[in-house]
C-alpha cells in the first residue's frame, strides 16, 4: 500500500463508515485530514509508523511544547489506526509510552461575568461600520454564554430552529445524533429579536432553512459561519482582551463559555441551597449531555464548586445530632 497516495482516501472512507454508525466526527474529521496532509507532505512510504505519528503530534497549530498536548493529539489517531490494520496489518497503533500517559481531563477556563461582558462589547465593535458583523458575533457569543450551546450547535441553527414566540431553540441531531429543545430566558429572546431585526434589515435571507447566524464576508455572504472562522476571530479578540488563563488548556477557549455556563448554574444552585442531585439531571438534558456523569464532572473540576460543597458539608457537620436512645 502506498501510504501517501492513499491516506486521504482511507481517512474519508473511515469517516464515512463511522458516520453511518451515527458518529458526527466533526473535530476528529479535521484532525485526521490534517494528519493525512502531514503524511503526504513528508512523502512517507509504507505502513504508518509511530515515528510519523509522533512527528505529526508535535506539530500542533499552537506550537505547544507540552508532551500532554502531544499525547492528546496522538490519542485521536488510535481508532483510525486500529481500523487501518485490516488493510495494512503492519500499521502501528500509537501507545501511551511515546509521550507518557494522559492526565485526567483538563480544567477549563471559567469566565467571570466581567470577561463575558468585555467579550461581547469587543465583538460589538467589530467593523466595518455600518455593518452586521459586530451584531453577528456579539449575539453568537452571548447566546453560547447564556445557554451553554456547543459552537457547532449554535452555528447549525437555521431560522426555523429559532422560535422566539415560544422562546426556545431546537437543536437538531448534534453530538451523539440527539435533538433537544433549549428554552430561552426573556433577556436572551430580546437579544435574538434585536439581532434578527438587524440581520433582516441588512437583506439576509429570511427563508426557514437559511442560517440564523450568517457570514458577512463578501465571498461567503449569507452562508453559515464556519467553526474555523469563529475560532480564528475569537483568538484575535482573546489577544486584544489579554485574559489571564485560569485553565490548563493552552488558552481560554470558546468552548469554555459552555463550561462557564454549567459552573455558574451549579454555583447559583449551591448558594441557594438547591438539591443538586435533583437539579443535575435537568441541567444535563439542557446542555445535551448523554450521561449525567459528564455534568457531575464539573463538581470536581472547578475549585469554586468544591469550596461551596465543603462549606455545605461543614454546616451539616455542625448541626446538632438527634439522639434515638
C-alpha atoms as a PDB file:
ATOM      1  CA  UNK A   1       0.000   0.000   0.000  1.00  0.00           C
ATOM      2  CA  UNK A   2       1.275   3.443  -0.870  1.00  0.00           C
ATOM      3  CA  UNK A   3       0.530   5.437   2.282  1.00  0.00           C
ATOM      4  CA  UNK A   4       0.993   8.979   0.886  1.00  0.00           C
ATOM      5  CA  UNK A   5      -1.150   8.317  -2.202  1.00  0.00           C
ATOM      6  CA  UNK A   6      -3.997   6.544  -0.420  1.00  0.00           C
ATOM      7  CA  UNK A   7      -4.048   8.122   3.032  1.00  0.00           C
ATOM      8  CA  UNK A   8      -6.604  10.909   2.307  1.00  0.00           C
ATOM      9  CA  UNK A   9      -8.900   8.377   0.631  1.00  0.00           C
ATOM     10  CA  UNK A  10      -8.591   5.979   3.563  1.00  0.00           C
ATOM     11  CA  UNK A  11      -9.382   8.788   6.004  1.00  0.00           C
ATOM     12  CA  UNK A  12     -12.515   9.683   4.043  1.00  0.00           C
ATOM     13  CA  UNK A  13     -13.577   6.048   3.893  1.00  0.00           C
ATOM     14  CA  UNK A  14     -13.068   5.664   7.642  1.00  0.00           C
ATOM     15  CA  UNK A  15     -15.120   8.800   8.352  1.00  0.00           C
ATOM     16  CA  UNK A  16     -17.943   7.649   6.071  1.00  0.00           C
ATOM     17  CA  UNK A  17     -18.137   4.279   7.792  1.00  0.00           C
ATOM     18  CA  UNK A  18     -18.150   5.809  11.278  1.00  0.00           C
ATOM     19  CA  UNK A  19     -20.751   8.406  10.340  1.00  0.00           C
ATOM     20  CA  UNK A  20     -23.041   5.694   9.029  1.00  0.00           C
ATOM     21  CA  UNK A  21     -22.922   4.293  12.567  1.00  0.00           C
ATOM     22  CA  UNK A  22     -24.160   7.638  13.951  1.00  0.00           C
ATOM     23  CA  UNK A  23     -20.888   9.375  14.873  1.00  0.00           C
ATOM     24  CA  UNK A  24     -20.655  13.041  13.854  1.00  0.00           C
ATOM     25  CA  UNK A  25     -16.823  13.219  13.959  1.00  0.00           C
ATOM     26  CA  UNK A  26     -16.551  16.931  13.142  1.00  0.00           C
ATOM     27  CA  UNK A  27     -13.401  17.571  15.137  1.00  0.00           C
ATOM     28  CA  UNK A  28     -11.860  14.095  14.572  1.00  0.00           C
ATOM     29  CA  UNK A  29     -12.503  14.536  10.852  1.00  0.00           C
ATOM     30  CA  UNK A  30     -10.476  17.749  10.769  1.00  0.00           C
ATOM     31  CA  UNK A  31      -7.748  16.094  12.821  1.00  0.00           C
ATOM     32  CA  UNK A  32      -7.452  13.045  10.572  1.00  0.00           C
ATOM     33  CA  UNK A  33      -7.407  15.136   7.391  1.00  0.00           C
ATOM     34  CA  UNK A  34      -4.652  17.235   8.910  1.00  0.00           C
ATOM     35  CA  UNK A  35      -2.733  14.054   9.711  1.00  0.00           C
ATOM     36  CA  UNK A  36      -3.188  12.774   6.134  1.00  0.00           C
ATOM     37  CA  UNK A  37      -1.718  16.026   4.783  1.00  0.00           C
ATOM     38  CA  UNK A  38       1.224  15.667   7.173  1.00  0.00           C
ATOM     39  CA  UNK A  39       1.894  12.152   5.877  1.00  0.00           C
ATOM     40  CA  UNK A  40       1.768  13.354   2.268  1.00  0.00           C
ATOM     41  CA  UNK A  41       3.937  16.428   2.891  1.00  0.00           C
ATOM     42  CA  UNK A  42       6.673  14.212   4.276  1.00  0.00           C
ATOM     43  CA  UNK A  43       6.403  11.735   1.395  1.00  0.00           C
ATOM     44  CA  UNK A  44       6.050   8.857   3.852  1.00  0.00           C
ATOM     45  CA  UNK A  45       6.171   5.415   2.240  1.00  0.00           C
ATOM     46  CA  UNK A  46       4.963   2.097   3.592  1.00  0.00           C
ATOM     47  CA  UNK A  47       2.758   1.382   6.629  1.00  0.00           C
ATOM     48  CA  UNK A  48       2.156   4.063   9.212  1.00  0.00           C
ATOM     49  CA  UNK A  49       4.733   4.079  11.975  1.00  0.00           C
ATOM     50  CA  UNK A  50       4.763   5.561  15.455  1.00  0.00           C
ATOM     51  CA  UNK A  51       7.549   7.875  14.321  1.00  0.00           C
ATOM     52  CA  UNK A  52       5.454   9.611  11.643  1.00  0.00           C
ATOM     53  CA  UNK A  53       2.533   9.862  14.077  1.00  0.00           C
ATOM     54  CA  UNK A  54       4.727  11.336  16.798  1.00  0.00           C
ATOM     55  CA  UNK A  55       6.182  13.892  14.393  1.00  0.00           C
ATOM     56  CA  UNK A  56       2.633  14.972  13.493  1.00  0.00           C
ATOM     57  CA  UNK A  57       1.582  15.161  17.149  1.00  0.00           C
ATOM     58  CA  UNK A  58       4.406  17.625  17.878  1.00  0.00           C
ATOM     59  CA  UNK A  59       3.266  19.953  15.076  1.00  0.00           C
ATOM     60  CA  UNK A  60       0.071  21.303  16.633  1.00  0.00           C
ATOM     61  CA  UNK A  61      -1.218  24.689  15.479  1.00  0.00           C
ATOM     62  CA  UNK A  62      -0.395  26.310  18.830  1.00  0.00           C
ATOM     63  CA  UNK A  63       3.256  25.215  18.685  1.00  0.00           C
ATOM     64  CA  UNK A  64       2.914  23.534  22.053  1.00  0.00           C
ATOM     65  CA  UNK A  65       5.941  22.126  23.835  1.00  0.00           C
ATOM     66  CA  UNK A  66       3.791  20.214  26.341  1.00  0.00           C
ATOM     67  CA  UNK A  67       4.044  16.401  25.998  1.00  0.00           C
ATOM     68  CA  UNK A  68       0.481  16.159  27.385  1.00  0.00           C
ATOM     69  CA  UNK A  69      -0.789  18.115  24.392  1.00  0.00           C
ATOM     70  CA  UNK A  70       1.132  15.837  22.053  1.00  0.00           C
ATOM     71  CA  UNK A  71      -0.273  12.771  23.851  1.00  0.00           C
ATOM     72  CA  UNK A  72      -3.840  14.048  23.403  1.00  0.00           C
ATOM     73  CA  UNK A  73      -3.269  14.569  19.681  1.00  0.00           C
ATOM     74  CA  UNK A  74      -1.759  11.113  19.345  1.00  0.00           C
ATOM     75  CA  UNK A  75      -4.719   9.539  21.139  1.00  0.00           C
ATOM     76  CA  UNK A  76      -7.028  10.794  18.385  1.00  0.00           C
ATOM     77  CA  UNK A  77      -5.226   8.561  15.862  1.00  0.00           C
ATOM     78  CA  UNK A  78      -5.767   5.289  17.717  1.00  0.00           C
ATOM     79  CA  UNK A  79      -9.276   4.390  16.457  1.00  0.00           C
ATOM     80  CA  UNK A  80      -8.228   5.166  12.888  1.00  0.00           C
ATOM     81  CA  UNK A  81      -5.004   3.146  13.036  1.00  0.00           C
ATOM     82  CA  UNK A  82      -6.829   0.145  14.518  1.00  0.00           C
ATOM     83  CA  UNK A  83      -9.327   0.369  11.646  1.00  0.00           C
ATOM     84  CA  UNK A  84      -6.472   0.726   9.156  1.00  0.00           C
ATOM     85  CA  UNK A  85      -4.841  -2.517  10.306  1.00  0.00           C
ATOM     86  CA  UNK A  86      -7.481  -4.510   8.409  1.00  0.00           C
ATOM     87  CA  UNK A  87      -5.968  -3.197   5.159  1.00  0.00           C
ATOM     88  CA  UNK A  88      -2.346  -2.939   6.253  1.00  0.00           C
ATOM     89  CA  UNK A  89      -1.607  -5.277   9.214  1.00  0.00           C
ATOM     90  CA  UNK A  90       1.804  -3.639   9.717  1.00  0.00           C
ATOM     91  CA  UNK A  91       0.148  -0.344  10.698  1.00  0.00           C
ATOM     92  CA  UNK A  92       1.373   0.599  14.153  1.00  0.00           C
ATOM     93  CA  UNK A  93      -1.013   1.837  16.863  1.00  0.00           C
ATOM     94  CA  UNK A  94       0.409   4.708  18.959  1.00  0.00           C
ATOM     95  CA  UNK A  95       0.755   3.834  22.624  1.00  0.00           C
ATOM     96  CA  UNK A  96       0.899   5.972  25.752  1.00  0.00           C
ATOM     97  CA  UNK A  97       4.578   5.157  26.164  1.00  0.00           C
ATOM     98  CA  UNK A  98       5.506   7.618  23.396  1.00  0.00           C
ATOM     99  CA  UNK A  99       4.696  10.770  25.353  1.00  0.00           C
ATOM    100  CA  UNK A 100       3.542   9.281  28.644  1.00  0.00           C
ATOM    101  CA  UNK A 101       0.013   8.642  29.958  1.00  0.00           C
ATOM    102  CA  UNK A 102      -2.609  11.324  29.661  1.00  0.00           C
ATOM    103  CA  UNK A 103      -3.563  13.195  32.831  1.00  0.00           C
ATOM    104  CA  UNK A 104      -7.183  13.490  33.893  1.00  0.00           C
ATOM    105  CA  UNK A 105      -9.494  15.843  31.997  1.00  0.00           C
ATOM    106  CA  UNK A 106      -8.089  19.343  31.790  1.00  0.00           C
ATOM    107  CA  UNK A 107      -9.617  22.099  33.858  1.00  0.00           C
ATOM    108  CA  UNK A 108     -11.450  24.713  31.771  1.00  0.00           C
ATOM    109  CA  UNK A 109     -11.108  28.483  31.998  1.00  0.00           C
ATOM    110  CA  UNK A 110     -14.264  29.629  33.790  1.00  0.00           C
ATOM    111  CA  UNK A 111     -15.114  33.083  32.520  1.00  0.00           C
ATOM    112  CA  UNK A 112     -16.077  35.751  35.009  1.00  0.00           C
ATOM    113  CA  UNK A 113     -19.108  37.914  34.324  1.00  0.00           C
ATOM    114  CA  UNK A 114     -16.782  40.825  33.522  1.00  0.00           C
ATOM    115  CA  UNK A 115     -14.823  38.761  30.989  1.00  0.00           C
ATOM    116  CA  UNK A 116     -18.021  37.792  29.191  1.00  0.00           C
ATOM    117  CA  UNK A 117     -19.269  41.390  29.144  1.00  0.00           C
ATOM    118  CA  UNK A 118     -15.893  42.548  27.810  1.00  0.00           C
ATOM    119  CA  UNK A 119     -16.003  39.868  25.108  1.00  0.00           C
ATOM    120  CA  UNK A 120     -19.460  40.949  23.968  1.00  0.00           C
ATOM    121  CA  UNK A 121     -18.521  44.632  23.986  1.00  0.00           C
ATOM    122  CA  UNK A 122     -15.382  43.961  21.933  1.00  0.00           C
ATOM    123  CA  UNK A 123     -17.319  41.822  19.450  1.00  0.00           C
ATOM    124  CA  UNK A 124     -19.944  44.553  19.129  1.00  0.00           C
ATOM    125  CA  UNK A 125     -17.308  46.987  17.904  1.00  0.00           C
ATOM    126  CA  UNK A 126     -16.130  44.745  15.058  1.00  0.00           C
ATOM    127  CA  UNK A 127     -16.118  46.577  11.744  1.00  0.00           C
ATOM    128  CA  UNK A 128     -16.851  47.553   9.132  1.00  0.00           C
ATOM    129  CA  UNK A 129     -19.281  50.212  10.332  1.00  0.00           C
ATOM    130  CA  UNK A 130     -22.058  50.335   9.434  1.00  0.00           C
ATOM    131  CA  UNK A 131     -22.376  46.581   9.049  1.00  0.00           C
ATOM    132  CA  UNK A 132     -23.775  43.409  10.528  1.00  0.00           C
ATOM    133  CA  UNK A 133     -20.516  41.726  11.557  1.00  0.00           C
ATOM    134  CA  UNK A 134     -20.397  43.075  15.124  1.00  0.00           C
ATOM    135  CA  UNK A 135     -24.015  42.106  15.806  1.00  0.00           C
ATOM    136  CA  UNK A 136     -23.436  38.571  14.471  1.00  0.00           C
ATOM    137  CA  UNK A 137     -20.535  37.819  16.795  1.00  0.00           C
ATOM    138  CA  UNK A 138     -21.885  39.647  19.833  1.00  0.00           C
ATOM    139  CA  UNK A 139     -25.131  37.689  19.574  1.00  0.00           C
ATOM    140  CA  UNK A 140     -23.390  34.388  18.851  1.00  0.00           C
ATOM    141  CA  UNK A 141     -21.060  34.620  21.840  1.00  0.00           C
ATOM    142  CA  UNK A 142     -23.845  35.943  24.062  1.00  0.00           C
ATOM    143  CA  UNK A 143     -26.130  33.046  23.134  1.00  0.00           C
ATOM    144  CA  UNK A 144     -23.409  30.499  23.861  1.00  0.00           C
ATOM    145  CA  UNK A 145     -22.655  32.137  27.213  1.00  0.00           C
ATOM    146  CA  UNK A 146     -26.283  32.122  28.384  1.00  0.00           C
ATOM    147  CA  UNK A 147     -27.301  28.670  27.097  1.00  0.00           C
ATOM    148  CA  UNK A 148     -24.128  26.575  27.102  1.00  0.00           C
ATOM    149  CA  UNK A 149     -24.558  25.627  23.438  1.00  0.00           C
ATOM    150  CA  UNK A 150     -21.675  23.957  21.679  1.00  0.00           C
ATOM    151  CA  UNK A 151     -20.186  26.116  18.913  1.00  0.00           C
ATOM    152  CA  UNK A 152     -21.282  23.561  16.302  1.00  0.00           C
ATOM    153  CA  UNK A 153     -24.850  23.680  17.640  1.00  0.00           C
ATOM    154  CA  UNK A 154     -25.036  27.470  17.543  1.00  0.00           C
ATOM    155  CA  UNK A 155     -23.647  27.680  14.004  1.00  0.00           C
ATOM    156  CA  UNK A 156     -26.022  24.979  12.743  1.00  0.00           C
ATOM    157  CA  UNK A 157     -29.119  26.934  13.802  1.00  0.00           C
ATOM    158  CA  UNK A 158     -31.479  27.789  10.966  1.00  0.00           C
ATOM    159  CA  UNK A 159     -34.279  30.322  11.072  1.00  0.00           C
ATOM    160  CA  UNK A 160     -36.814  27.525  11.568  1.00  0.00           C
ATOM    161  CA  UNK A 161     -34.903  26.343  14.672  1.00  0.00           C
ATOM    162  CA  UNK A 162     -35.215  29.710  16.456  1.00  0.00           C
ATOM    163  CA  UNK A 163     -38.773  30.138  17.755  1.00  0.00           C
ATOM    164  CA  UNK A 164     -38.759  33.493  19.517  1.00  0.00           C
ATOM    165  CA  UNK A 165     -42.516  33.482  20.098  1.00  0.00           C
ATOM    166  CA  UNK A 166     -42.240  30.309  22.135  1.00  0.00           C
ATOM    167  CA  UNK A 167     -38.837  31.373  23.480  1.00  0.00           C
ATOM    168  CA  UNK A 168     -36.911  28.252  22.592  1.00  0.00           C
ATOM    169  CA  UNK A 169     -34.318  26.783  20.235  1.00  0.00           C
ATOM    170  CA  UNK A 170     -34.481  23.416  18.522  1.00  0.00           C
ATOM    171  CA  UNK A 171     -31.081  21.762  18.380  1.00  0.00           C
ATOM    172  CA  UNK A 172     -31.173  19.258  15.543  1.00  0.00           C
ATOM    173  CA  UNK A 173     -29.268  15.945  15.692  1.00  0.00           C
ATOM    174  CA  UNK A 174     -25.972  17.232  17.005  1.00  0.00           C
ATOM    175  CA  UNK A 175     -23.462  15.311  19.091  1.00  0.00           C
ATOM    176  CA  UNK A 176     -24.458  11.641  19.512  1.00  0.00           C
ATOM    177  CA  UNK A 177     -27.262  12.242  16.923  1.00  0.00           C
ATOM    178  CA  UNK A 178     -29.516  13.698  19.634  1.00  0.00           C
ATOM    179  CA  UNK A 179     -32.046  16.508  19.212  1.00  0.00           C
ATOM    180  CA  UNK A 180     -33.397  18.686  22.015  1.00  0.00           C
ATOM    181  CA  UNK A 181     -35.290  21.878  22.830  1.00  0.00           C
ATOM    182  CA  UNK A 182     -33.498  24.686  24.671  1.00  0.00           C
ATOM    183  CA  UNK A 183     -35.775  27.176  26.481  1.00  0.00           C
ATOM    184  CA  UNK A 184     -34.526  30.780  26.500  1.00  0.00           C
ATOM    185  CA  UNK A 185     -34.592  33.458  29.186  1.00  0.00           C
ATOM    186  CA  UNK A 186     -36.611  36.533  28.226  1.00  0.00           C
ATOM    187  CA  UNK A 187     -33.412  38.613  28.021  1.00  0.00           C
ATOM    188  CA  UNK A 188     -31.958  36.143  25.508  1.00  0.00           C
ATOM    189  CA  UNK A 189     -35.158  36.312  23.455  1.00  0.00           C
ATOM    190  CA  UNK A 190     -34.912  40.108  23.338  1.00  0.00           C
ATOM    191  CA  UNK A 191     -31.276  39.970  22.215  1.00  0.00           C
ATOM    192  CA  UNK A 192     -32.103  37.474  19.470  1.00  0.00           C
ATOM    193  CA  UNK A 193     -35.056  39.570  18.314  1.00  0.00           C
ATOM    194  CA  UNK A 194     -32.791  42.608  18.019  1.00  0.00           C
ATOM    195  CA  UNK A 195     -30.193  40.638  16.065  1.00  0.00           C
ATOM    196  CA  UNK A 196     -32.788  39.134  13.737  1.00  0.00           C
ATOM    197  CA  UNK A 197     -34.237  42.582  13.039  1.00  0.00           C
ATOM    198  CA  UNK A 198     -30.786  43.925  12.133  1.00  0.00           C
ATOM    199  CA  UNK A 199     -29.984  40.860  10.034  1.00  0.00           C
ATOM    200  CA  UNK A 200     -33.252  41.018   8.121  1.00  0.00           C
ATOM    201  CA  UNK A 201     -32.831  44.764   7.617  1.00  0.00           C
ATOM    202  CA  UNK A 202     -29.449  44.109   6.001  1.00  0.00           C
ATOM    203  CA  UNK A 203     -31.125  41.956   3.354  1.00  0.00           C
ATOM    204  CA  UNK A 204     -30.129  38.475   4.515  1.00  0.00           C
ATOM    205  CA  UNK A 205     -32.411  35.559   3.695  1.00  0.00           C
ATOM    206  CA  UNK A 206     -35.478  35.039   5.871  1.00  0.00           C
ATOM    207  CA  UNK A 207     -36.172  31.581   4.410  1.00  0.00           C
ATOM    208  CA  UNK A 208     -36.933  28.955   7.033  1.00  0.00           C
ATOM    209  CA  UNK A 209     -33.915  26.867   6.011  1.00  0.00           C
ATOM    210  CA  UNK A 210     -31.496  29.824   5.873  1.00  0.00           C
ATOM    211  CA  UNK A 211     -28.765  30.031   8.554  1.00  0.00           C
ATOM    212  CA  UNK A 212     -29.591  32.115  11.618  1.00  0.00           C
ATOM    213  CA  UNK A 213     -26.001  33.305  12.085  1.00  0.00           C
ATOM    214  CA  UNK A 214     -24.642  34.454   8.738  1.00  0.00           C
ATOM    215  CA  UNK A 215     -21.186  35.091   7.347  1.00  0.00           C
ATOM    216  CA  UNK A 216     -20.766  38.757   6.339  1.00  0.00           C
ATOM    217  CA  UNK A 217     -17.614  38.396   4.215  1.00  0.00           C
ATOM    218  CA  UNK A 218     -18.161  39.320   0.569  1.00  0.00           C
ATOM    219  CA  UNK A 219     -17.120  35.965  -0.875  1.00  0.00           C
ATOM    220  CA  UNK A 220     -19.349  33.945   1.504  1.00  0.00           C
ATOM    221  CA  UNK A 221     -22.013  36.474   2.473  1.00  0.00           C
ATOM    222  CA  UNK A 222     -25.230  34.901   3.706  1.00  0.00           C
ATOM    223  CA  UNK A 223     -23.644  31.463   4.171  1.00  0.00           C
ATOM    224  CA  UNK A 224     -23.404  29.753   7.585  1.00  0.00           C
ATOM    225  CA  UNK A 225     -20.370  30.728   9.644  1.00  0.00           C
ATOM    226  CA  UNK A 226     -17.705  28.030   9.915  1.00  0.00           C
ATOM    227  CA  UNK A 227     -16.131  26.878  13.173  1.00  0.00           C
ATOM    228  CA  UNK A 228     -12.698  27.763  11.798  1.00  0.00           C
ATOM    229  CA  UNK A 229     -13.774  31.331  11.046  1.00  0.00           C
ATOM    230  CA  UNK A 230     -15.283  31.803  14.514  1.00  0.00           C
ATOM    231  CA  UNK A 231     -12.328  30.201  16.321  1.00  0.00           C
ATOM    232  CA  UNK A 232      -9.875  32.426  14.439  1.00  0.00           C
ATOM    233  CA  UNK A 233     -11.793  35.593  15.280  1.00  0.00           C
ATOM    234  CA  UNK A 234     -12.214  34.516  18.902  1.00  0.00           C
ATOM    235  CA  UNK A 235      -8.439  34.087  19.185  1.00  0.00           C
ATOM    236  CA  UNK A 236      -7.984  37.654  17.916  1.00  0.00           C
ATOM    237  CA  UNK A 237     -10.448  39.014  20.476  1.00  0.00           C
ATOM    238  CA  UNK A 238      -8.772  36.977  23.220  1.00  0.00           C
ATOM    239  CA  UNK A 239      -5.444  38.602  22.398  1.00  0.00           C
ATOM    240  CA  UNK A 240      -6.992  42.074  22.455  1.00  0.00           C
ATOM    241  CA  UNK A 241      -8.589  41.430  25.848  1.00  0.00           C
ATOM    242  CA  UNK A 242      -5.415  39.969  27.376  1.00  0.00           C
ATOM    243  CA  UNK A 243      -7.140  37.433  29.606  1.00  0.00           C
ATOM    244  CA  UNK A 244      -5.033  35.572  32.141  1.00  0.00           C
ATOM    245  CA  UNK A 245      -5.520  31.859  31.576  1.00  0.00           C
ATOM    246  CA  UNK A 246      -7.014  30.151  34.642  1.00  0.00           C
ATOM    247  CA  UNK A 247      -7.457  26.762  32.979  1.00  0.00           C
ATOM    248  CA  UNK A 248      -4.983  24.087  31.985  1.00  0.00           C
ATOM    249  CA  UNK A 249      -5.568  24.306  28.234  1.00  0.00           C
ATOM    250  CA  UNK A 250      -3.254  26.360  26.029  1.00  0.00           C
ATOM    251  CA  UNK A 251      -5.501  29.458  26.452  1.00  0.00           C
ATOM    252  CA  UNK A 252      -9.100  30.414  27.270  1.00  0.00           C
ATOM    253  CA  UNK A 253     -11.214  28.748  24.588  1.00  0.00           C
ATOM    254  CA  UNK A 254     -14.566  29.473  23.020  1.00  0.00           C
ATOM    255  CA  UNK A 255     -15.753  26.080  24.326  1.00  0.00           C
ATOM    256  CA  UNK A 256     -15.095  27.345  27.845  1.00  0.00           C
ATOM    257  CA  UNK A 257     -18.204  29.526  27.505  1.00  0.00           C
ATOM    258  CA  UNK A 258     -20.124  26.251  27.757  1.00  0.00           C
ATOM    259  CA  UNK A 259     -18.164  25.182  30.825  1.00  0.00           C
ATOM    260  CA  UNK A 260     -18.710  28.591  32.418  1.00  0.00           C
ATOM    261  CA  UNK A 261     -22.471  28.358  31.866  1.00  0.00           C
ATOM    262  CA  UNK A 262     -22.698  24.985  33.630  1.00  0.00           C
ATOM    263  CA  UNK A 263     -20.500  26.121  36.504  1.00  0.00           C
ATOM    264  CA  UNK A 264     -22.417  29.367  37.082  1.00  0.00           C
ATOM    265  CA  UNK A 265     -25.674  27.406  37.181  1.00  0.00           C
ATOM    266  CA  UNK A 266     -24.347  24.909  39.734  1.00  0.00           C
ATOM    267  CA  UNK A 267     -22.747  27.657  41.841  1.00  0.00           C
ATOM    268  CA  UNK A 268     -26.063  29.514  41.898  1.00  0.00           C
ATOM    269  CA  UNK A 269     -27.907  26.374  42.972  1.00  0.00           C
ATOM    270  CA  UNK A 270     -25.350  25.649  45.670  1.00  0.00           C
ATOM    271  CA  UNK A 271     -25.655  29.166  47.052  1.00  0.00           C
ATOM    272  CA  UNK A 272     -29.472  28.875  47.052  1.00  0.00           C
ATOM    273  CA  UNK A 273     -29.408  25.523  48.820  1.00  0.00           C
ATOM    274  CA  UNK A 274     -30.980  23.692  45.874  1.00  0.00           C
ATOM    275  CA  UNK A 275     -30.741  19.889  45.922  1.00  0.00           C
ATOM    276  CA  UNK A 276     -28.039  19.436  43.287  1.00  0.00           C
ATOM    277  CA  UNK A 277     -28.803  15.754  42.739  1.00  0.00           C
ATOM    278  CA  UNK A 278     -32.400  16.604  41.866  1.00  0.00           C
ATOM    279  CA  UNK A 279     -31.460  19.505  39.593  1.00  0.00           C
ATOM    280  CA  UNK A 280     -28.485  17.948  37.824  1.00  0.00           C
ATOM    281  CA  UNK A 281     -30.496  15.716  35.509  1.00  0.00           C
ATOM    282  CA  UNK A 282     -32.417  18.670  34.077  1.00  0.00           C
ATOM    283  CA  UNK A 283     -29.170  20.595  33.579  1.00  0.00           C
ATOM    284  CA  UNK A 284     -27.563  17.609  31.881  1.00  0.00           C
ATOM    285  CA  UNK A 285     -30.535  17.363  29.491  1.00  0.00           C
ATOM    286  CA  UNK A 286     -30.494  21.117  28.837  1.00  0.00           C
ATOM    287  CA  UNK A 287     -26.855  21.158  27.714  1.00  0.00           C
ATOM    288  CA  UNK A 288     -27.148  17.927  25.727  1.00  0.00           C
ATOM    289  CA  UNK A 289     -25.031  15.549  27.788  1.00  0.00           C
ATOM    290  CA  UNK A 290     -25.922  11.923  27.103  1.00  0.00           C
ATOM    291  CA  UNK A 291     -24.698  10.868  30.539  1.00  0.00           C
ATOM    292  CA  UNK A 292     -25.304  12.845  33.720  1.00  0.00           C
ATOM    293  CA  UNK A 293     -21.830  11.869  34.945  1.00  0.00           C
ATOM    294  CA  UNK A 294     -20.411  14.221  32.302  1.00  0.00           C
ATOM    295  CA  UNK A 295     -22.200  17.064  34.068  1.00  0.00           C
ATOM    296  CA  UNK A 296     -21.133  15.873  37.524  1.00  0.00           C
ATOM    297  CA  UNK A 297     -17.508  16.162  36.369  1.00  0.00           C
ATOM    298  CA  UNK A 298     -17.798  19.935  36.839  1.00  0.00           C
ATOM    299  CA  UNK A 299     -18.170  19.435  40.603  1.00  0.00           C
ATOM    300  CA  UNK A 300     -14.605  18.161  40.831  1.00  0.00           C
ATOM    301  CA  UNK A 301     -13.138  20.220  38.002  1.00  0.00           C
ATOM    302  CA  UNK A 302     -13.784  23.700  39.395  1.00  0.00           C
ATOM    303  CA  UNK A 303     -12.353  24.946  42.725  1.00  0.00           C
ATOM    304  CA  UNK A 304     -15.297  27.304  43.344  1.00  0.00           C
ATOM    305  CA  UNK A 305     -17.703  24.372  43.403  1.00  0.00           C
ATOM    306  CA  UNK A 306     -15.513  22.333  45.723  1.00  0.00           C
ATOM    307  CA  UNK A 307     -15.329  25.302  48.111  1.00  0.00           C
ATOM    308  CA  UNK A 308     -19.111  25.685  48.193  1.00  0.00           C
ATOM    309  CA  UNK A 309     -19.554  21.943  48.674  1.00  0.00           C
ATOM    310  CA  UNK A 310     -17.066  21.997  51.562  1.00  0.00           C
ATOM    311  CA  UNK A 311     -18.947  24.857  53.263  1.00  0.00           C
ATOM    312  CA  UNK A 312     -22.227  22.958  52.989  1.00  0.00           C
ATOM    313  CA  UNK A 313     -20.584  19.826  54.392  1.00  0.00           C
ATOM    314  CA  UNK A 314     -19.197  21.805  57.331  1.00  0.00           C
ATOM    315  CA  UNK A 315     -22.621  23.294  58.004  1.00  0.00           C
ATOM    316  CA  UNK A 316     -24.143  19.822  58.128  1.00  0.00           C
ATOM    317  CA  UNK A 317     -21.445  18.625  60.484  1.00  0.00           C
ATOM    318  CA  UNK A 318     -22.206  21.488  62.882  1.00  0.00           C
ATOM    319  CA  UNK A 319     -25.904  20.679  63.096  1.00  0.00           C
ATOM    320  CA  UNK A 320     -26.942  19.106  66.417  1.00  0.00           C
ATOM    321  CA  UNK A 321     -27.349  15.354  66.279  1.00  0.00           C
ATOM    322  CA  UNK A 322     -30.687  13.836  67.328  1.00  0.00           C
ATOM    323  CA  UNK A 323     -30.422  11.018  69.831  1.00  0.00           C
ATOM    324  CA  UNK A 324     -32.566   7.969  69.149  1.00  0.00           C
ATOM    325  CA  UNK A 325     -31.867   6.404  72.555  1.00  0.00           C
END
